[in-house]
Structure formats: C-alpha cells, structure tokens
Amino acid sequence: MTVVTRDAVTLAPFGVPEPELQYSAGTPAIAAVDLVREYPRKRKDPVRALQGLSLTVAQGEVHGLLGPNGAGKTTLVKILSTILLPTSGQATVCGHDVVRHGRDVRELIGVVMGGDRGLYTRLTGRQNLEFWGALQKVPRKVLRSRTEHLLERLGLAAKADARVETYSRGMKQRLHLARGLIGDARVLFLDEPTMGMDPVAAREFRKLIGELRDEQRTILLATHDMTEAESLCDRVSFVRDGTVVATRSPHAVAGLVSAVQGLELDSADAALAATLAEVPGVTSVTTDGATTRILVRSQDDFPRLLHLLADHGVTSLRTLRPSLEDVYVRLIGDRGLEV
C-alpha cells in the first residue's frame, strides 16, 4: 500500500500523531459499486432499499446526497459506516472494504446521525466525548486534550459539565459533530445534520462544516435542505428508488433540466399576467407586486412567449436559470406529502 505523506493529504489532527492506518493519495475516499440492500419480509417479497447504487467521492470532497424519504440515503450511509451489511455489491472507504475490513473503516470515519441517537443524555457533554473516545481507543492523554479542543471549538465549553438532557437541539447537534471527530475522522457521514435547528444554529453548523472542508476532510452529507447542499457541496448526487440518477456540481446541475427555465419582468400588470398564463407551454405566472415571474416547460416555448411580450410593449426582461430545488423536483418528482 502506498503511504500517504502530509503533502498528499492535509489534515488537522488537533496536534496529535496521525493514526497508523495509511492509504493512497489517489484512492477515492468513498467508492460504492452496484450496492444492493434488501430487507426480508415474512411471506412477502423483500424490500429493496438500494438497487445497484454506484457512487464515487474523492478525498477532501463535500458530497451531497439528495432524495426523498425512502430513497436509500440513510441505508447507504449505514452500509458505508459498517452499521449494515450490503446484500450484494462492494463498497470501500479509503480503499478498505466495508465488509472485510470493517475495523479499519471504523478507525477512519465519524458518523453524525442527529437527534438524541448516540448521545447519553444523563451524562455530561465531556463524559460523552470521553466515553466515545475510549471506545475508539484514543490514548488517554490525547483524548483529554482533544476533548477540550473540540468542546472549545464547537462552542460547548461553557456547558461541558452539564447533562446533555439540558442541551438545546443545536447544542446536541454540535456534540454529535464533536463525537464524530473525537477519533480524528478522515471521512464524516452526516445524515440530516441541521434537521430541527433554528436558522442561527444551522448557519453556525454549516460554518463548521466549511472549516472541516478546509482541513481536507471528506464529508458525505445526506440532506433535504437545498440551500445547505448548494452552499456546502462540491458535488451532489440525486438518489431515487435506491439508485443514483445524476451527479453534478451544484453550479452545473442546472443543465440537467434546461439552460433557461423562465423569464422575469419588471412589471406586475395583472391583465398581462392573466394573458401569459394562457400561453401554451407556460407552467406558472406569479407576481409579487413589482415583478412577474414566468416559468415554461421547455426552451421551445420561448419564441411564442417572446412574441406575445413584444406585442404588449415589453422591452426589458431577465432569464431565469433553474435552482437546485427546481432540478430536484424535476428529477425526483413532485411527491407532495407522499412518503
């Protein structure tokens, strides 16, 4: 195995020695090939949570997993973190097979599932970190200094000796992240890390994720939050029915739908809006008191629309590109409240 030098992989291990496990600088942080996971049922066909899913994530990349409930995101994270075994297919983390070399994988990863899972609420924040660090066999002297560093870094020092049951949701999420880092993880799996947080706490949490990216840690982020994915991720993968349907950078993903999605006018004329809504190919017309936003089904619908606007004396307009949320709805489907 090729040994990775500090020049090849730059990490911030909190001032302690690197772990013994080494891996090639060119090895993907995550590689999944044709993963299948079935859940057996009595007297019924098994449920397939993953159906031949393949995914590659480079070292140092923040990669988003986007998809509805039941798409297979959490199942994938559990397989990669050795919590679940795949029915078939192969997955590696930093070159280590998650089935055959599970112990090696667990020394390289941190998992942040969110909520109260994985936290002992009757223990203090400090005791939680010391417990999890001991399980990961972090040397005692290293564990003490790393615990203090993480508590300070994540804004938990003032409540370090308070029971976790007294923590707010945002503080618990930060403690989850500290727990994921207590072993100096190279690869972090984050499953809906800001779910339930207030906007201020979520913004601070995202800032922390950005700092971890700067340390060249690899992060796999499963989320429903389009703003989160667009602001944090180097690439995003859309997951539907247990398989990846597309992978792009957030900036390039708009090309999956259309180069241009619609038009915006500096006008809020109600009569014009009503006329535009009747044009074939126009999917929606909305006004906010100052502007009118027109969305179309495809670029082929633009000529007819532009002729109509010219006939009504419109001389100034702006094109609209699809957002990550627009692409999500187009690729995954508008499921409404369906789960």
Protein backbone atom coordinates (compact mmCIF):
# COMPACT_ATOMS: atom_id res chain seq x y z
CA MET A 1 0.00 0.00 0.00
CA THR A 2 1.29 3.44 -0.88
CA VAL A 3 1.89 5.56 2.21
CA VAL A 4 0.26 8.96 2.25
CA THR A 5 2.53 11.83 3.23
CA ARG A 6 1.39 15.06 4.84
CA ASP A 7 1.92 16.74 1.47
CA ALA A 8 -0.53 14.34 -0.13
CA VAL A 9 -3.30 14.60 2.47
CA THR A 10 -3.52 17.71 4.64
CA LEU A 11 -5.49 17.21 7.83
CA ALA A 12 -5.74 19.00 11.15
CA PRO A 13 -5.45 16.20 13.73
CA PHE A 14 -5.66 18.53 16.75
CA GLY A 15 -1.95 18.41 17.47
CA VAL A 16 -1.65 14.64 17.93
CA PRO A 17 0.10 11.92 15.90
CA GLU A 18 -1.52 10.52 12.77
CA PRO A 19 -3.25 7.13 13.14
CA GLU A 20 -1.33 4.10 11.90
CA LEU A 21 -3.74 3.45 9.04
CA GLN A 22 -2.46 4.88 5.77
CA TYR A 23 -3.95 5.00 2.28
CA SER A 24 -3.02 6.07 -1.21
CA ALA A 25 -3.45 9.72 -2.13
CA GLY A 26 -5.21 8.67 -5.33
CA THR A 27 -7.67 6.30 -3.64
CA PRO A 28 -11.28 7.56 -3.55
CA ALA A 29 -12.48 8.36 -0.05
CA ILE A 30 -15.72 6.50 -0.87
CA ALA A 31 -16.40 4.04 -3.66
CA ALA A 32 -19.64 2.09 -3.99
CA VAL A 33 -20.27 -0.28 -6.91
CA ASP A 34 -23.65 -1.89 -7.63
CA LEU A 35 -24.76 -1.84 -3.99
CA VAL A 36 -27.96 -3.75 -3.26
CA ARG A 37 -29.63 -3.90 0.13
CA GLU A 38 -32.77 -5.96 0.70
CA TYR A 39 -34.91 -6.14 3.83
CA PRO A 40 -36.65 -9.54 4.04
CA ARG A 41 -40.35 -9.77 4.95
CA LYS A 42 -42.39 -12.74 6.06
CA ARG A 43 -44.46 -14.23 3.23
CA LYS A 44 -43.77 -11.18 1.08
CA ASP A 45 -41.13 -10.14 -1.41
CA PRO A 46 -38.17 -8.36 0.21
CA VAL A 47 -37.99 -4.57 0.16
CA ARG A 48 -35.08 -3.24 -1.88
CA ALA A 49 -33.71 -0.08 -0.27
CA LEU A 50 -30.74 0.06 -2.65
CA GLN A 51 -30.94 -1.18 -6.24
CA GLY A 52 -27.48 -1.32 -7.77
CA LEU A 53 -26.32 2.05 -6.41
CA SER A 54 -22.87 3.26 -7.50
CA LEU A 55 -21.07 6.34 -6.18
CA THR A 56 -17.51 7.71 -6.02
CA VAL A 57 -16.38 10.52 -3.70
CA ALA A 58 -12.86 11.94 -3.89
CA GLN A 59 -10.70 12.66 -0.87
CA GLY A 60 -11.37 16.12 0.55
CA GLU A 61 -14.74 16.45 -1.21
CA VAL A 62 -18.02 17.55 0.36
CA HIS A 63 -20.59 15.41 -1.45
CA GLY A 64 -24.34 15.84 -1.05
CA LEU A 65 -26.95 13.10 -1.22
CA LEU A 66 -30.34 14.49 -2.21
CA GLY A 67 -33.52 12.49 -2.34
CA PRO A 68 -36.93 12.00 -0.72
CA ASN A 69 -37.66 9.90 2.34
CA GLY A 70 -37.18 6.25 1.49
CA ALA A 71 -34.80 6.91 -1.42
CA GLY A 72 -31.99 4.93 0.25
CA LYS A 73 -29.75 7.73 1.57
CA THR A 74 -29.65 6.55 5.19
CA THR A 75 -29.25 2.91 4.14
CA LEU A 76 -26.21 3.90 2.06
CA VAL A 77 -24.69 5.82 4.98
CA LYS A 78 -25.25 2.83 7.30
CA ILE A 79 -23.52 0.45 4.87
CA LEU A 80 -20.55 2.77 4.37
CA SER A 81 -20.19 3.19 8.13
CA THR A 82 -20.35 -0.63 8.65
CA ILE A 83 -23.65 -0.50 10.57
CA LEU A 84 -25.41 -2.56 7.86
CA LEU A 85 -24.14 -5.25 5.51
CA PRO A 86 -25.00 -4.96 1.80
CA THR A 87 -26.94 -7.77 0.19
CA SER A 88 -24.59 -7.59 -2.79
CA GLY A 89 -22.14 -5.21 -4.41
CA GLN A 90 -19.00 -3.66 -2.99
CA ALA A 91 -18.16 -0.53 -1.02
CA THR A 92 -14.82 0.83 0.18
CA VAL A 93 -13.78 3.73 2.40
CA CYS A 94 -10.23 4.97 1.75
CA GLY A 95 -9.55 1.67 -0.02
CA HIS A 96 -10.80 -0.54 2.84
CA ASP A 97 -13.69 -2.88 2.10
CA VAL A 98 -16.60 -2.14 4.47
CA VAL A 99 -17.40 -5.87 4.85
CA ARG A 100 -13.97 -7.50 5.01
CA HIS A 101 -12.11 -4.64 6.72
CA GLY A 102 -14.82 -3.12 8.90
CA ARG A 103 -12.46 -2.45 11.82
CA ASP A 104 -10.10 -0.48 9.58
CA VAL A 105 -13.02 1.53 8.19
CA ARG A 106 -14.29 2.40 11.66
CA GLU A 107 -10.89 3.88 12.56
CA LEU A 108 -11.18 6.33 9.66
CA ILE A 109 -14.77 7.53 9.91
CA GLY A 110 -17.11 9.60 12.04
CA VAL A 111 -20.91 9.36 11.89
CA VAL A 112 -23.31 12.19 12.74
CA MET A 113 -26.88 10.89 12.61
CA GLY A 114 -28.55 13.73 14.53
CA GLY A 115 -31.25 13.80 17.18
CA ASP A 116 -30.75 12.04 20.51
CA ARG A 117 -29.45 8.83 18.95
CA GLY A 118 -25.90 8.09 20.04
CA LEU A 119 -25.89 10.54 22.96
CA TYR A 120 -26.19 9.58 26.61
CA THR A 121 -28.38 12.36 27.89
CA ARG A 122 -27.77 11.70 31.61
CA LEU A 123 -24.02 12.13 31.08
CA THR A 124 -22.33 15.47 30.50
CA GLY A 125 -21.00 16.57 27.15
CA ARG A 126 -17.45 15.97 28.34
CA GLN A 127 -18.30 12.48 29.60
CA ASN A 128 -19.95 11.60 26.27
CA LEU A 129 -16.81 12.55 24.34
CA GLU A 130 -14.52 10.74 26.76
CA PHE A 131 -16.68 7.62 26.51
CA TRP A 132 -16.74 7.59 22.72
CA GLY A 133 -13.04 8.38 22.52
CA ALA A 134 -12.26 5.45 24.83
CA LEU A 135 -14.34 3.15 22.60
CA GLN A 136 -12.24 4.31 19.65
CA LYS A 137 -9.07 3.59 21.66
CA VAL A 138 -7.80 7.16 21.61
CA PRO A 139 -4.83 7.32 24.05
CA ARG A 140 -5.83 8.85 27.39
CA LYS A 141 -3.56 11.92 27.18
CA VAL A 142 -4.58 12.57 23.60
CA LEU A 143 -8.26 12.07 24.46
CA ARG A 144 -8.13 14.63 27.26
CA SER A 145 -6.59 17.36 25.08
CA ARG A 146 -8.75 16.53 22.07
CA THR A 147 -11.93 16.63 24.15
CA GLU A 148 -11.05 20.08 25.47
CA HIS A 149 -10.20 21.28 21.98
CA LEU A 150 -13.48 20.05 20.48
CA LEU A 151 -15.61 21.44 23.29
CA GLU A 152 -13.98 24.83 22.80
CA ARG A 153 -14.07 24.72 19.02
CA LEU A 154 -17.75 23.79 18.88
CA GLY A 155 -18.86 26.35 21.45
CA LEU A 156 -19.69 23.79 24.15
CA ALA A 157 -17.01 24.60 26.72
CA ALA A 158 -19.37 26.59 28.96
CA LYS A 159 -21.80 23.63 29.15
CA ALA A 160 -19.20 20.86 29.05
CA ASP A 161 -20.08 19.62 32.55
CA ALA A 162 -23.85 19.96 32.20
CA ARG A 163 -26.00 16.92 31.43
CA VAL A 164 -26.82 16.55 27.74
CA GLU A 165 -30.53 16.39 28.61
CA THR A 166 -30.28 20.14 29.35
CA TYR A 167 -28.80 20.91 25.90
CA SER A 168 -30.74 22.63 23.12
CA ARG A 169 -31.20 20.86 19.77
CA GLY A 170 -28.38 22.91 18.23
CA MET A 171 -26.02 22.06 21.10
CA LYS A 172 -26.81 18.36 20.74
CA GLN A 173 -26.04 18.53 17.03
CA ARG A 174 -22.70 20.20 17.77
CA LEU A 175 -21.96 17.49 20.32
CA HIS A 176 -22.78 14.89 17.65
CA LEU A 177 -20.22 16.53 15.38
CA ALA A 178 -17.65 16.56 18.20
CA ARG A 179 -18.35 12.87 18.76
CA GLY A 180 -17.78 12.23 15.06
CA LEU A 181 -14.41 14.00 15.26
CA ILE A 182 -13.15 12.56 18.54
CA GLY A 183 -11.27 9.85 16.64
CA ASP A 184 -9.84 12.43 14.17
CA ALA A 185 -12.07 11.07 11.38
CA ARG A 186 -10.86 11.33 7.78
CA VAL A 187 -14.35 10.70 6.43
CA LEU A 188 -17.51 12.11 8.02
CA PHE A 189 -21.03 10.85 7.32
CA LEU A 190 -23.65 13.49 8.13
CA ASP A 191 -27.31 12.43 7.96
CA GLU A 192 -29.64 15.49 8.10
CA PRO A 193 -27.25 17.29 10.49
CA THR A 194 -29.27 20.53 10.75
CA MET A 195 -32.74 18.99 10.95
CA GLY A 196 -34.74 20.76 13.66
CA MET A 197 -32.18 23.50 14.21
CA ASP A 198 -33.20 27.14 14.30
CA PRO A 199 -31.75 29.27 11.43
CA VAL A 200 -28.94 30.76 13.53
CA ALA A 201 -27.76 27.38 14.85
CA ALA A 202 -28.00 25.87 11.34
CA ARG A 203 -25.89 28.70 9.91
CA GLU A 204 -23.20 28.20 12.55
CA PHE A 205 -23.24 24.45 11.96
CA ARG A 206 -22.73 24.99 8.22
CA LYS A 207 -19.82 27.27 9.01
CA LEU A 208 -18.22 24.43 10.96
CA ILE A 209 -18.70 22.08 8.01
CA GLY A 210 -16.93 24.61 5.80
CA GLU A 211 -13.99 24.64 8.22
CA LEU A 212 -13.79 20.85 8.09
CA ARG A 213 -13.71 21.02 4.30
CA ASP A 214 -10.76 23.42 4.55
CA GLU A 215 -8.98 20.73 6.58
CA GLN A 216 -9.38 18.37 3.59
CA ARG A 217 -11.72 16.01 5.40
CA THR A 218 -14.18 14.13 3.21
CA ILE A 219 -17.84 14.66 4.03
CA LEU A 220 -20.86 12.76 2.73
CA LEU A 221 -23.90 14.89 3.51
CA ALA A 222 -27.41 13.42 3.28
CA THR A 223 -29.89 16.29 3.35
CA HIS A 224 -33.24 17.64 2.17
CA ASP A 225 -32.04 21.23 2.54
CA MET A 226 -31.36 22.67 -0.91
CA THR A 227 -29.67 25.78 0.50
CA GLU A 228 -27.39 23.60 2.58
CA ALA A 229 -26.42 21.43 -0.39
CA GLU A 230 -25.90 24.38 -2.73
CA SER A 231 -23.70 26.31 -0.30
CA LEU A 232 -21.61 23.44 1.08
CA CYS A 233 -21.22 20.72 -1.54
CA ASP A 234 -18.60 20.32 -4.25
CA ARG A 235 -20.90 17.83 -5.98
CA VAL A 236 -24.39 16.48 -5.36
CA SER A 237 -25.94 13.13 -6.24
CA PHE A 238 -29.69 12.72 -6.68
CA VAL A 239 -30.94 9.44 -5.23
CA ARG A 240 -34.28 7.96 -6.22
CA ASP A 241 -35.65 4.46 -5.56
CA GLY A 242 -32.32 3.18 -4.29
CA THR A 243 -30.10 4.34 -7.13
CA VAL A 244 -28.18 7.45 -8.17
CA VAL A 245 -29.93 9.16 -11.09
CA ALA A 246 -27.43 12.02 -11.59
CA THR A 247 -24.26 13.53 -10.11
CA ARG A 248 -23.12 17.09 -10.83
CA SER A 249 -21.62 20.13 -9.17
CA PRO A 250 -24.29 22.50 -7.80
CA HIS A 251 -23.36 25.06 -10.47
CA ALA A 252 -23.54 22.59 -13.34
CA VAL A 253 -26.65 20.78 -12.15
CA ALA A 254 -29.00 23.28 -13.80
CA GLY A 255 -28.05 21.83 -17.18
CA LEU A 256 -29.90 18.65 -16.24
CA VAL A 257 -33.19 20.49 -16.67
CA SER A 258 -32.69 23.33 -19.09
CA ALA A 259 -30.29 26.18 -19.76
CA VAL A 260 -33.11 28.64 -19.12
CA GLN A 261 -36.20 27.96 -17.05
CA GLY A 262 -38.22 31.14 -17.44
CA LEU A 263 -38.34 34.92 -17.59
CA GLU A 264 -38.73 37.74 -15.10
CA LEU A 265 -40.27 41.14 -15.95
CA ASP A 266 -40.16 44.42 -14.04
CA SER A 267 -43.93 44.60 -14.20
CA ALA A 268 -46.84 43.44 -12.06
CA ASP A 269 -49.63 44.05 -14.61
CA ALA A 270 -52.44 41.68 -13.58
CA ALA A 271 -54.02 41.69 -17.03
CA LEU A 272 -50.72 40.79 -18.70
CA ALA A 273 -50.11 38.05 -16.13
CA ALA A 274 -53.53 36.54 -16.88
CA THR A 275 -52.78 36.59 -20.62
CA LEU A 276 -49.37 34.98 -20.13
CA ALA A 277 -50.87 32.19 -18.04
CA GLU A 278 -52.92 31.11 -21.09
CA VAL A 279 -49.87 30.76 -23.37
CA PRO A 280 -49.19 27.09 -24.29
CA GLY A 281 -46.04 25.85 -22.56
CA VAL A 282 -46.21 28.32 -19.67
CA THR A 283 -46.35 26.34 -16.42
CA SER A 284 -46.82 29.20 -13.97
CA VAL A 285 -47.05 33.00 -13.73
CA THR A 286 -46.52 34.72 -10.38
CA THR A 287 -46.30 38.37 -9.34
CA ASP A 288 -45.00 39.92 -6.13
CA GLY A 289 -46.18 43.49 -6.58
CA ALA A 290 -43.11 44.64 -8.53
CA THR A 291 -42.11 41.80 -10.85
CA THR A 292 -43.69 38.99 -12.84
CA ARG A 293 -42.05 35.56 -12.97
CA ILE A 294 -42.93 33.25 -15.87
CA LEU A 295 -41.89 29.58 -15.90
CA VAL A 296 -42.01 27.45 -19.05
CA ARG A 297 -42.00 23.75 -19.79
CA SER A 298 -39.08 23.87 -22.28
CA GLN A 299 -36.99 26.27 -24.34
CA ASP A 300 -39.16 25.51 -27.39
CA ASP A 301 -41.91 27.55 -25.72
CA PHE A 302 -39.88 30.77 -25.65
CA PRO A 303 -40.47 32.08 -29.23
CA ARG A 304 -44.25 32.24 -28.81
CA LEU A 305 -43.87 33.83 -25.38
CA LEU A 306 -41.37 36.45 -26.58
CA HIS A 307 -43.62 37.47 -29.50
CA LEU A 308 -46.51 37.99 -27.09
CA LEU A 309 -44.38 40.07 -24.72
CA ALA A 310 -43.17 42.24 -27.62
CA ASP A 311 -46.79 42.80 -28.73
CA HIS A 312 -47.52 44.09 -25.21
CA GLY A 313 -44.63 46.54 -25.34
CA VAL A 314 -42.27 44.66 -23.01
CA THR A 315 -38.69 45.65 -23.85
CA SER A 316 -36.79 44.59 -20.72
CA LEU A 317 -36.66 41.14 -19.16
CA ARG A 318 -34.30 38.68 -17.45
CA THR A 319 -33.81 34.96 -17.96
CA LEU A 320 -34.15 32.60 -15.01
CA ARG A 321 -31.95 29.56 -14.53
CA PRO A 322 -33.30 26.58 -12.58
CA SER A 323 -32.25 26.33 -8.94
CA LEU A 324 -31.05 23.15 -7.25
CA GLU A 325 -34.57 22.78 -5.85
CA ASP A 326 -36.07 23.03 -9.36
CA VAL A 327 -33.73 20.29 -10.59
CA TYR A 328 -34.56 18.13 -7.57
CA VAL A 329 -38.29 18.33 -8.29
CA ARG A 330 -37.76 17.60 -12.00
CA LEU A 331 -35.51 14.57 -11.39
CA ILE A 332 -37.13 13.13 -8.27
CA GLY A 333 -40.72 14.16 -8.96
CA ASP A 334 -43.22 16.31 -7.08
CA ARG A 335 -44.35 13.85 -4.40
CA GLY A 336 -46.31 16.36 -2.35
CA LEU A 337 -46.87 14.89 1.13
CA GLU A 338 -46.24 11.34 -0.05
CA VAL A 339 -43.60 9.45 1.96
